[in-house]
Amino acid sequence: QFVVADKNMITTVLRNLITNAIKFSFANSTIRIGSKREGENQVFWV
């Protein structure tokens, strides 16, 4: 999907959220990063 956004800002957001997830996750676990369309918006999650 295409979103209207500042690429550098959103990259920074994703990097921070994934880095935090790594920091607070236990060894040998899994972190899920996803994205899907909901109406007129795109939802992202970590």
All heavy atoms as atom14 arrays in JSON, in Angstrom:
{
  "sequence": "QFVVADKNMITTVLRNLITNAIKFSFANSTIRIGSKREGENQVFWV",
  "atom14_mask": [
    [1, 1, 1, 1, 1, 1, 1, 1, 1, 0, 0, 0, 0, 0],
    [1, 1, 1, 1, 1, 1, 1, 1, 1, 1, 1, 0, 0, 0],
    [1, 1, 1, 1, 1, 1, 1, 0, 0, 0, 0, 0, 0, 0],
    [1, 1, 1, 1, 1, 1, 1, 0, 0, 0, 0, 0, 0, 0],
    [1, 1, 1, 1, 1, 0, 0, 0, 0, 0, 0, 0, 0, 0],
    [1, 1, 1, 1, 1, 1, 1, 1, 0, 0, 0, 0, 0, 0],
    [1, 1, 1, 1, 1, 1, 1, 1, 1, 0, 0, 0, 0, 0],
    [1, 1, 1, 1, 1, 1, 1, 1, 0, 0, 0, 0, 0, 0],
    [1, 1, 1, 1, 1, 1, 1, 1, 0, 0, 0, 0, 0, 0],
    [1, 1, 1, 1, 1, 1, 1, 1, 0, 0, 0, 0, 0, 0],
    [1, 1, 1, 1, 1, 1, 1, 0, 0, 0, 0, 0, 0, 0],
    [1, 1, 1, 1, 1, 1, 1, 0, 0, 0, 0, 0, 0, 0],
    [1, 1, 1, 1, 1, 1, 1, 0, 0, 0, 0, 0, 0, 0],
    [1, 1, 1, 1, 1, 1, 1, 1, 0, 0, 0, 0, 0, 0],
    [1, 1, 1, 1, 1, 1, 1, 1, 1, 1, 1, 0, 0, 0],
    [1, 1, 1, 1, 1, 1, 1, 1, 0, 0, 0, 0, 0, 0],
    [1, 1, 1, 1, 1, 1, 1, 1, 0, 0, 0, 0, 0, 0],
    [1, 1, 1, 1, 1, 1, 1, 1, 0, 0, 0, 0, 0, 0],
    [1, 1, 1, 1, 1, 1, 1, 0, 0, 0, 0, 0, 0, 0],
    [1, 1, 1, 1, 1, 1, 1, 1, 0, 0, 0, 0, 0, 0],
    [1, 1, 1, 1, 1, 0, 0, 0, 0, 0, 0, 0, 0, 0],
    [1, 1, 1, 1, 1, 1, 1, 1, 0, 0, 0, 0, 0, 0],
    [1, 1, 1, 1, 1, 1, 1, 1, 1, 0, 0, 0, 0, 0],
    [1, 1, 1, 1, 1, 1, 1, 1, 1, 1, 1, 0, 0, 0],
    [1, 1, 1, 1, 1, 1, 0, 0, 0, 0, 0, 0, 0, 0],
    [1, 1, 1, 1, 1, 1, 1, 1, 1, 1, 1, 0, 0, 0],
    [1, 1, 1, 1, 1, 0, 0, 0, 0, 0, 0, 0, 0, 0],
    [1, 1, 1, 1, 1, 1, 1, 1, 0, 0, 0, 0, 0, 0],
    [1, 1, 1, 1, 1, 1, 0, 0, 0, 0, 0, 0, 0, 0],
    [1, 1, 1, 1, 1, 1, 1, 0, 0, 0, 0, 0, 0, 0],
    [1, 1, 1, 1, 1, 1, 1, 1, 0, 0, 0, 0, 0, 0],
    [1, 1, 1, 1, 1, 1, 1, 1, 1, 1, 1, 0, 0, 0],
    [1, 1, 1, 1, 1, 1, 1, 1, 0, 0, 0, 0, 0, 0],
    [1, 1, 1, 1, 0, 0, 0, 0, 0, 0, 0, 0, 0, 0],
    [1, 1, 1, 1, 1, 1, 0, 0, 0, 0, 0, 0, 0, 0],
    [1, 1, 1, 1, 1, 1, 1, 1, 1, 0, 0, 0, 0, 0],
    [1, 1, 1, 1, 1, 1, 1, 1, 1, 1, 1, 0, 0, 0],
    [1, 1, 1, 1, 1, 1, 1, 1, 1, 0, 0, 0, 0, 0],
    [1, 1, 1, 1, 0, 0, 0, 0, 0, 0, 0, 0, 0, 0],
    [1, 1, 1, 1, 1, 1, 1, 1, 1, 0, 0, 0, 0, 0],
    [1, 1, 1, 1, 1, 1, 1, 1, 0, 0, 0, 0, 0, 0],
    [1, 1, 1, 1, 1, 1, 1, 1, 1, 0, 0, 0, 0, 0],
    [1, 1, 1, 1, 1, 1, 1, 0, 0, 0, 0, 0, 0, 0],
    [1, 1, 1, 1, 1, 1, 1, 1, 1, 1, 1, 0, 0, 0],
    [1, 1, 1, 1, 1, 1, 1, 1, 1, 1, 1, 1, 1, 1],
    [1, 1, 1, 1, 1, 1, 1, 0, 0, 0, 0, 0, 0, 0]
  ],
  "atom14_positions": [
    [[0.86, -1.19, 0.0], [0.0, 0.0, 0.0], [0.89, 1.24, 0.0], [2.07, 1.16, 0.38], [-0.9, 0.02, 1.24], [-1.85, -1.15, 1.34], [-3.01, -1.04, 0.37], [-3.22, 0.0, -0.25], [-3.75, -2.13, 0.21], [0.0, 0.0, 0.0], [0.0, 0.0, 0.0], [0.0, 0.0, 0.0], [0.0, 0.0, 0.0], [0.0, 0.0, 0.0]],
    [[0.33, 2.34, -0.43], [1.09, 3.59, -0.41], [0.5, 4.52, 0.66], [-0.71, 4.71, 0.72], [1.05, 4.28, -1.78], [1.91, 3.59, -2.8], [1.38, 2.58, -3.6], [3.24, 3.93, -2.96], [2.15, 1.94, -4.55], [4.04, 3.29, -3.9], [3.49, 2.29, -4.69], [0.0, 0.0, 0.0], [0.0, 0.0, 0.0], [0.0, 0.0, 0.0]],
    [[1.37, 5.06, 1.48], [0.94, 6.0, 2.52], [1.58, 7.37, 2.25], [2.66, 7.46, 1.65], [1.35, 5.52, 3.93], [0.58, 4.28, 4.33], [2.84, 5.28, 4.04], [0.0, 0.0, 0.0], [0.0, 0.0, 0.0], [0.0, 0.0, 0.0], [0.0, 0.0, 0.0], [0.0, 0.0, 0.0], [0.0, 0.0, 0.0], [0.0, 0.0, 0.0]],
    [[0.88, 8.41, 2.68], [1.4, 9.77, 2.55], [2.08, 10.12, 3.86], [1.41, 10.31, 4.88], [0.27, 10.77, 2.24], [0.82, 12.19, 2.17], [-0.41, 10.4, 0.94], [0.0, 0.0, 0.0], [0.0, 0.0, 0.0], [0.0, 0.0, 0.0], [0.0, 0.0, 0.0], [0.0, 0.0, 0.0], [0.0, 0.0, 0.0], [0.0, 0.0, 0.0]],
    [[3.4, 10.2, 3.86], [4.14, 10.44, 5.11], [5.57, 10.85, 4.8], [6.05, 10.73, 3.65], [4.13, 9.17, 5.96], [0.0, 0.0, 0.0], [0.0, 0.0, 0.0], [0.0, 0.0, 0.0], [0.0, 0.0, 0.0], [0.0, 0.0, 0.0], [0.0, 0.0, 0.0], [0.0, 0.0, 0.0], [0.0, 0.0, 0.0], [0.0, 0.0, 0.0]],
    [[6.24, 11.33, 5.83], [7.67, 11.64, 5.76], [8.43, 10.33, 5.97], [8.41, 9.75, 7.06], [8.03, 12.66, 6.83], [9.48, 13.13, 6.73], [10.38, 12.26, 6.66], [9.71, 14.35, 6.75], [0.0, 0.0, 0.0], [0.0, 0.0, 0.0], [0.0, 0.0, 0.0], [0.0, 0.0, 0.0], [0.0, 0.0, 0.0], [0.0, 0.0, 0.0]],
    [[9.12, 9.85, 4.93], [9.78, 8.55, 4.99], [10.8, 8.46, 6.1], [10.88, 7.45, 6.82], [10.44, 8.24, 3.64], [11.08, 6.86, 3.59], [11.65, 6.58, 2.22], [12.27, 5.18, 2.16], [12.84, 4.88, 0.82], [0.0, 0.0, 0.0], [0.0, 0.0, 0.0], [0.0, 0.0, 0.0], [0.0, 0.0, 0.0], [0.0, 0.0, 0.0]],
    [[11.6, 9.51, 6.29], [12.63, 9.49, 7.33], [12.01, 9.4, 8.72], [12.5, 8.68, 9.6], [13.51, 10.74, 7.24], [14.38, 10.73, 6.01], [14.77, 9.66, 5.51], [14.69, 11.9, 5.47], [0.0, 0.0, 0.0], [0.0, 0.0, 0.0], [0.0, 0.0, 0.0], [0.0, 0.0, 0.0], [0.0, 0.0, 0.0], [0.0, 0.0, 0.0]],
    [[10.9, 10.13, 8.93], [10.24, 10.09, 10.24], [9.69, 8.69, 10.52], [9.86, 8.15, 11.62], [9.11, 11.12, 10.29], [9.55, 12.56, 10.44], [8.11, 13.63, 10.73], [8.9, 15.22, 10.92], [0.0, 0.0, 0.0], [0.0, 0.0, 0.0], [0.0, 0.0, 0.0], [0.0, 0.0, 0.0], [0.0, 0.0, 0.0], [0.0, 0.0, 0.0]],
    [[9.0, 8.12, 9.53], [8.37, 6.81, 9.75], [9.44, 5.73, 9.91], [9.28, 4.8, 10.71], [7.42, 6.47, 8.59], [6.38, 7.61, 8.43], [6.72, 5.15, 8.85], [5.66, 7.98, 9.7], [0.0, 0.0, 0.0], [0.0, 0.0, 0.0], [0.0, 0.0, 0.0], [0.0, 0.0, 0.0], [0.0, 0.0, 0.0], [0.0, 0.0, 0.0]],
    [[10.53, 5.85, 9.17], [11.64, 4.91, 9.35], [12.19, 5.0, 10.77], [12.49, 3.97, 11.4], [12.75, 5.21, 8.33], [12.24, 5.07, 7.0], [13.92, 4.25, 8.51], [0.0, 0.0, 0.0], [0.0, 0.0, 0.0], [0.0, 0.0, 0.0], [0.0, 0.0, 0.0], [0.0, 0.0, 0.0], [0.0, 0.0, 0.0], [0.0, 0.0, 0.0]],
    [[12.32, 6.21, 11.28], [12.79, 6.41, 12.65], [11.82, 5.79, 13.65], [12.24, 5.16, 14.63], [12.96, 7.91, 12.95], [13.91, 8.47, 12.05], [13.42, 8.14, 14.38], [0.0, 0.0, 0.0], [0.0, 0.0, 0.0], [0.0, 0.0, 0.0], [0.0, 0.0, 0.0], [0.0, 0.0, 0.0], [0.0, 0.0, 0.0], [0.0, 0.0, 0.0]],
    [[10.52, 5.96, 13.41], [9.51, 5.38, 14.3], [9.63, 3.85, 14.32], [9.68, 3.22, 15.39], [8.09, 5.79, 13.87], [7.04, 5.02, 14.66], [7.89, 7.29, 14.07], [0.0, 0.0, 0.0], [0.0, 0.0, 0.0], [0.0, 0.0, 0.0], [0.0, 0.0, 0.0], [0.0, 0.0, 0.0], [0.0, 0.0, 0.0], [0.0, 0.0, 0.0]],
    [[9.68, 3.24, 13.14], [9.79, 1.77, 13.06], [11.08, 1.28, 13.72], [11.07, 0.29, 14.46], [9.75, 1.33, 11.6], [8.38, 1.41, 10.9], [8.53, 1.24, 9.39], [7.43, 0.35, 11.46], [0.0, 0.0, 0.0], [0.0, 0.0, 0.0], [0.0, 0.0, 0.0], [0.0, 0.0, 0.0], [0.0, 0.0, 0.0], [0.0, 0.0, 0.0]],
    [[12.17, 1.97, 13.46], [13.45, 1.57, 14.05], [13.4, 1.62, 15.57], [13.87, 0.71, 16.26], [14.57, 2.44, 13.52], [15.97, 1.95, 13.94], [17.07, 2.89, 13.52], [17.05, 4.12, 14.29], [16.86, 5.32, 13.78], [16.66, 5.46, 12.49], [16.86, 6.4, 14.56], [0.0, 0.0, 0.0], [0.0, 0.0, 0.0], [0.0, 0.0, 0.0]],
    [[12.8, 2.71, 16.12], [12.72, 2.84, 17.57], [11.82, 1.77, 18.19], [12.16, 1.17, 19.21], [12.19, 4.23, 17.94], [13.29, 5.26, 18.08], [14.04, 5.27, 19.04], [13.41, 6.12, 17.08], [0.0, 0.0, 0.0], [0.0, 0.0, 0.0], [0.0, 0.0, 0.0], [0.0, 0.0, 0.0], [0.0, 0.0, 0.0], [0.0, 0.0, 0.0]],
    [[10.68, 1.49, 17.55], [9.75, 0.51, 18.1], [10.35, -0.9, 18.06], [10.21, -1.67, 19.02], [8.42, 0.55, 17.35], [7.59, 1.83, 17.51], [6.29, 1.73, 16.72], [7.27, 2.09, 18.99], [0.0, 0.0, 0.0], [0.0, 0.0, 0.0], [0.0, 0.0, 0.0], [0.0, 0.0, 0.0], [0.0, 0.0, 0.0], [0.0, 0.0, 0.0]],
    [[11.02, -1.24, 16.96], [11.62, -2.58, 16.85], [12.81, -2.69, 17.8], [13.0, -3.73, 18.46], [12.03, -2.87, 15.4], [10.8, -2.87, 14.49], [12.76, -4.21, 15.31], [11.11, -2.98, 13.0], [0.0, 0.0, 0.0], [0.0, 0.0, 0.0], [0.0, 0.0, 0.0], [0.0, 0.0, 0.0], [0.0, 0.0, 0.0], [0.0, 0.0, 0.0]],
    [[13.61, -1.63, 17.9], [14.75, -1.64, 18.83], [14.27, -1.81, 20.27], [14.86, -2.57, 21.05], [15.55, -0.33, 18.7], [16.03, -0.21, 17.36], [16.74, -0.33, 19.65], [0.0, 0.0, 0.0], [0.0, 0.0, 0.0], [0.0, 0.0, 0.0], [0.0, 0.0, 0.0], [0.0, 0.0, 0.0], [0.0, 0.0, 0.0], [0.0, 0.0, 0.0]],
    [[13.19, -1.11, 20.63], [12.63, -1.27, 21.98], [12.12, -2.69, 22.2], [12.28, -3.26, 23.28], [11.47, -0.28, 22.18], [11.95, 1.07, 22.66], [13.13, 1.25, 22.94], [11.04, 2.04, 22.74], [0.0, 0.0, 0.0], [0.0, 0.0, 0.0], [0.0, 0.0, 0.0], [0.0, 0.0, 0.0], [0.0, 0.0, 0.0], [0.0, 0.0, 0.0]],
    [[11.49, -3.26, 21.16], [10.97, -4.62, 21.28], [12.11, -5.61, 21.5], [12.01, -6.54, 22.32], [10.18, -4.99, 20.02], [0.0, 0.0, 0.0], [0.0, 0.0, 0.0], [0.0, 0.0, 0.0], [0.0, 0.0, 0.0], [0.0, 0.0, 0.0], [0.0, 0.0, 0.0], [0.0, 0.0, 0.0], [0.0, 0.0, 0.0], [0.0, 0.0, 0.0]],
    [[13.22, -5.42, 20.79], [14.41, -6.27, 20.99], [14.94, -6.1, 22.41], [15.3, -7.07, 23.09], [15.49, -5.94, 19.95], [15.01, -6.29, 18.54], [16.8, -6.67, 20.27], [15.92, -5.8, 17.43], [0.0, 0.0, 0.0], [0.0, 0.0, 0.0], [0.0, 0.0, 0.0], [0.0, 0.0, 0.0], [0.0, 0.0, 0.0], [0.0, 0.0, 0.0]],
    [[14.98, -4.86, 22.85], [15.52, -4.55, 24.18], [14.73, -5.25, 25.28], [15.31, -5.79, 26.25], [15.5, -3.04, 24.39], [15.9, -2.57, 25.78], [15.78, -1.04, 25.88], [16.03, -0.55, 27.3], [15.87, 0.91, 27.42], [0.0, 0.0, 0.0], [0.0, 0.0, 0.0], [0.0, 0.0, 0.0], [0.0, 0.0, 0.0], [0.0, 0.0, 0.0]],
    [[13.41, -5.26, 25.16], [12.57, -5.8, 26.24], [12.08, -7.23, 25.99], [11.25, -7.73, 26.72], [11.37, -4.87, 26.48], [11.76, -3.51, 26.97], [11.59, -2.39, 26.17], [12.33, -3.35, 28.22], [11.96, -1.13, 26.62], [12.71, -2.1, 28.68], [12.52, -0.98, 27.87], [0.0, 0.0, 0.0], [0.0, 0.0, 0.0], [0.0, 0.0, 0.0]],
    [[12.6, -7.87, 24.93], [12.23, -9.26, 24.65], [13.25, -10.22, 25.25], [14.44, -9.88, 25.41], [12.14, -9.5, 23.14], [11.02, -8.84, 22.6], [0.0, 0.0, 0.0], [0.0, 0.0, 0.0], [0.0, 0.0, 0.0], [0.0, 0.0, 0.0], [0.0, 0.0, 0.0], [0.0, 0.0, 0.0], [0.0, 0.0, 0.0], [0.0, 0.0, 0.0]],
    [[12.79, -11.41, 25.55], [13.68, -12.44, 26.08], [14.35, -13.18, 24.93], [13.87, -13.17, 23.79], [12.89, -13.42, 26.96], [12.25, -12.76, 28.15], [10.88, -12.52, 28.16], [13.01, -12.37, 29.24], [10.28, -11.91, 29.25], [12.42, -11.77, 30.33], [11.05, -11.52, 30.33], [0.0, 0.0, 0.0], [0.0, 0.0, 0.0], [0.0, 0.0, 0.0]],
    [[15.48, -13.82, 25.23], [16.21, -14.57, 24.21], [15.32, -15.67, 23.63], [14.45, -16.23, 24.3], [17.48, -15.16, 24.82], [0.0, 0.0, 0.0], [0.0, 0.0, 0.0], [0.0, 0.0, 0.0], [0.0, 0.0, 0.0], [0.0, 0.0, 0.0], [0.0, 0.0, 0.0], [0.0, 0.0, 0.0], [0.0, 0.0, 0.0], [0.0, 0.0, 0.0]],
    [[15.58, -15.93, 22.34], [14.88, -17.01, 21.62], [13.37, -16.78, 21.51], [12.58, -17.72, 21.49], [15.15, -18.37, 22.28], [16.64, -18.68, 22.39], [17.37, -18.47, 21.43], [17.08, -19.16, 23.54], [0.0, 0.0, 0.0], [0.0, 0.0, 0.0], [0.0, 0.0, 0.0], [0.0, 0.0, 0.0], [0.0, 0.0, 0.0], [0.0, 0.0, 0.0]],
    [[12.96, -15.5, 21.47], [11.55, -15.18, 21.27], [11.35, -14.58, 19.87], [12.31, -14.45, 19.1], [11.06, -14.19, 22.34], [11.78, -12.98, 22.25], [0.0, 0.0, 0.0], [0.0, 0.0, 0.0], [0.0, 0.0, 0.0], [0.0, 0.0, 0.0], [0.0, 0.0, 0.0], [0.0, 0.0, 0.0], [0.0, 0.0, 0.0], [0.0, 0.0, 0.0]],
    [[10.11, -14.23, 19.55], [9.79, -13.7, 18.22], [9.13, -12.33, 18.34], [8.26, -12.13, 19.21], [8.85, -14.66, 17.47], [9.5, -15.92, 17.31], [8.49, -14.11, 16.09], [0.0, 0.0, 0.0], [0.0, 0.0, 0.0], [0.0, 0.0, 0.0], [0.0, 0.0, 0.0], [0.0, 0.0, 0.0], [0.0, 0.0, 0.0], [0.0, 0.0, 0.0]],
    [[9.52, -11.43, 17.48], [8.89, -10.1, 17.38], [8.18, -10.03, 16.04], [8.77, -10.32, 14.99], [9.93, -8.97, 17.49], [10.6, -8.99, 18.87], [9.29, -7.61, 17.22], [11.76, -8.03, 18.99], [0.0, 0.0, 0.0], [0.0, 0.0, 0.0], [0.0, 0.0, 0.0], [0.0, 0.0, 0.0], [0.0, 0.0, 0.0], [0.0, 0.0, 0.0]],
    [[6.91, -9.66, 16.07], [6.11, -9.58, 14.85], [5.95, -8.12, 14.43], [5.53, -7.28, 15.22], [4.74, -10.22, 15.08], [4.8, -11.72, 15.38], [3.43, -12.32, 15.62], [2.8, -11.77, 16.83], [1.82, -10.9, 16.82], [1.33, -10.45, 15.67], [1.3, -10.48, 17.95], [0.0, 0.0, 0.0], [0.0, 0.0, 0.0], [0.0, 0.0, 0.0]],
    [[6.27, -7.85, 13.18], [6.12, -6.5, 12.62], [5.14, -6.61, 11.46], [5.37, -7.39, 10.51], [7.47, -5.93, 12.11], [8.5, -5.93, 13.25], [7.27, -4.52, 11.58], [9.46, -7.08, 13.19], [0.0, 0.0, 0.0], [0.0, 0.0, 0.0], [0.0, 0.0, 0.0], [0.0, 0.0, 0.0], [0.0, 0.0, 0.0], [0.0, 0.0, 0.0]],
    [[4.05, -5.87, 11.52], [3.03, -6.02, 10.5], [2.43, -4.7, 10.05], [2.64, -3.64, 10.64], [0.0, 0.0, 0.0], [0.0, 0.0, 0.0], [0.0, 0.0, 0.0], [0.0, 0.0, 0.0], [0.0, 0.0, 0.0], [0.0, 0.0, 0.0], [0.0, 0.0, 0.0], [0.0, 0.0, 0.0], [0.0, 0.0, 0.0], [0.0, 0.0, 0.0]],
    [[1.62, -4.82, 8.97], [0.94, -3.65, 8.41], [-0.25, -4.13, 7.6], [-0.17, -5.13, 6.87], [1.9, -2.87, 7.51], [1.23, -1.84, 6.84], [0.0, 0.0, 0.0], [0.0, 0.0, 0.0], [0.0, 0.0, 0.0], [0.0, 0.0, 0.0], [0.0, 0.0, 0.0], [0.0, 0.0, 0.0], [0.0, 0.0, 0.0], [0.0, 0.0, 0.0]],
    [[-1.38, -3.44, 7.74], [-2.56, -3.78, 6.94], [-3.43, -2.53, 6.77], [-3.33, -1.57, 7.53], [-3.36, -4.9, 7.6], [-4.03, -4.5, 8.91], [-4.88, -5.65, 9.45], [-5.6, -5.23, 10.74], [-6.46, -6.31, 11.27], [0.0, 0.0, 0.0], [0.0, 0.0, 0.0], [0.0, 0.0, 0.0], [0.0, 0.0, 0.0], [0.0, 0.0, 0.0]],
    [[-4.31, -2.61, 5.78], [-5.2, -1.48, 5.5], [-6.46, -1.6, 6.34], [-7.03, -2.68, 6.47], [-5.56, -1.46, 4.02], [-6.55, -0.36, 3.66], [-6.76, -0.26, 2.16], [-7.73, 0.78, 1.83], [-7.98, 1.2, 0.6], [-7.31, 0.66, -0.43], [-8.87, 2.14, 0.37], [0.0, 0.0, 0.0], [0.0, 0.0, 0.0], [0.0, 0.0, 0.0]],
    [[-6.87, -0.46, 6.9], [-8.16, -0.36, 7.62], [-8.84, 0.92, 7.18], [-8.48, 2.01, 7.62], [-7.94, -0.37, 9.14], [-7.61, -1.72, 9.71], [-7.64, -1.75, 11.23], [-7.95, -0.68, 11.83], [-7.35, -2.8, 11.81], [0.0, 0.0, 0.0], [0.0, 0.0, 0.0], [0.0, 0.0, 0.0], [0.0, 0.0, 0.0], [0.0, 0.0, 0.0]],
    [[-9.83, 0.81, 6.3], [-10.53, 2.0, 5.8], [-9.59, 2.89, 5.0], [-8.95, 2.44, 4.04], [0.0, 0.0, 0.0], [0.0, 0.0, 0.0], [0.0, 0.0, 0.0], [0.0, 0.0, 0.0], [0.0, 0.0, 0.0], [0.0, 0.0, 0.0], [0.0, 0.0, 0.0], [0.0, 0.0, 0.0], [0.0, 0.0, 0.0], [0.0, 0.0, 0.0]],
    [[-9.49, 4.14, 5.38], [-8.64, 5.1, 4.67], [-7.27, 5.21, 5.29], [-6.5, 6.12, 4.95], [-9.32, 6.49, 4.67], [-10.65, 6.53, 3.95], [-10.51, 6.11, 2.49], [-9.56, 6.57, 1.83], [-11.34, 5.3, 2.03], [0.0, 0.0, 0.0], [0.0, 0.0, 0.0], [0.0, 0.0, 0.0], [0.0, 0.0, 0.0], [0.0, 0.0, 0.0]],
    [[-6.95, 4.31, 6.23], [-5.66, 4.36, 6.92], [-4.91, 3.04, 6.77], [-5.5, 1.99, 6.51], [-5.85, 4.67, 8.41], [-6.39, 6.06, 8.64], [-5.86, 7.03, 8.13], [-7.49, 6.16, 9.38], [0.0, 0.0, 0.0], [0.0, 0.0, 0.0], [0.0, 0.0, 0.0], [0.0, 0.0, 0.0], [0.0, 0.0, 0.0], [0.0, 0.0, 0.0]],
    [[-3.61, 3.11, 6.97], [-2.76, 1.94, 7.05], [-2.31, 1.79, 8.5], [-1.79, 2.74, 9.09], [-1.55, 2.07, 6.13], [-0.72, 0.82, 6.0], [-1.36, -0.24, 5.1], [-2.41, 0.01, 4.51], [-0.75, -1.4, 4.99], [0.0, 0.0, 0.0], [0.0, 0.0, 0.0], [0.0, 0.0, 0.0], [0.0, 0.0, 0.0], [0.0, 0.0, 0.0]],
    [[-2.55, 0.61, 9.08], [-2.18, 0.34, 10.47], [-0.89, -0.45, 10.51], [-0.74, -1.45, 9.79], [-3.3, -0.44, 11.2], [-2.9, -0.69, 12.65], [-4.61, 0.32, 11.13], [0.0, 0.0, 0.0], [0.0, 0.0, 0.0], [0.0, 0.0, 0.0], [0.0, 0.0, 0.0], [0.0, 0.0, 0.0], [0.0, 0.0, 0.0], [0.0, 0.0, 0.0]],
    [[0.05, 0.01, 11.35], [1.33, -0.68, 11.54], [1.38, -1.16, 13.0], [0.83, -0.51, 13.89], [2.51, 0.26, 11.28], [2.58, 0.79, 9.88], [1.77, 1.85, 9.48], [3.46, 0.25, 8.95], [1.83, 2.35, 8.19], [3.53, 0.74, 7.66], [2.72, 1.79, 7.28], [0.0, 0.0, 0.0], [0.0, 0.0, 0.0], [0.0, 0.0, 0.0]],
    [[2.08, -2.28, 13.22], [2.25, -2.74, 14.61], [3.59, -3.44, 14.79], [4.16, -3.99, 13.85], [1.11, -3.67, 15.02], [1.04, -4.97, 14.27], [1.7, -6.13, 14.54], [0.27, -5.21, 13.1], [1.39, -7.09, 13.63], [0.5, -6.56, 12.73], [-0.61, -4.44, 12.33], [-0.1, -7.14, 11.62], [-1.21, -5.01, 11.23], [-0.96, -6.35, 10.89]],
    [[4.09, -3.35, 16.02], [5.3, -4.07, 16.44], [4.92, -4.76, 17.74], [4.63, -4.12, 18.75], [6.49, -3.12, 16.65], [7.69, -3.91, 17.18], [6.85, -2.4, 15.36], [0.0, 0.0, 0.0], [0.0, 0.0, 0.0], [0.0, 0.0, 0.0], [0.0, 0.0, 0.0], [0.0, 0.0, 0.0], [0.0, 0.0, 0.0], [0.0, 0.0, 0.0]]
  ]
}
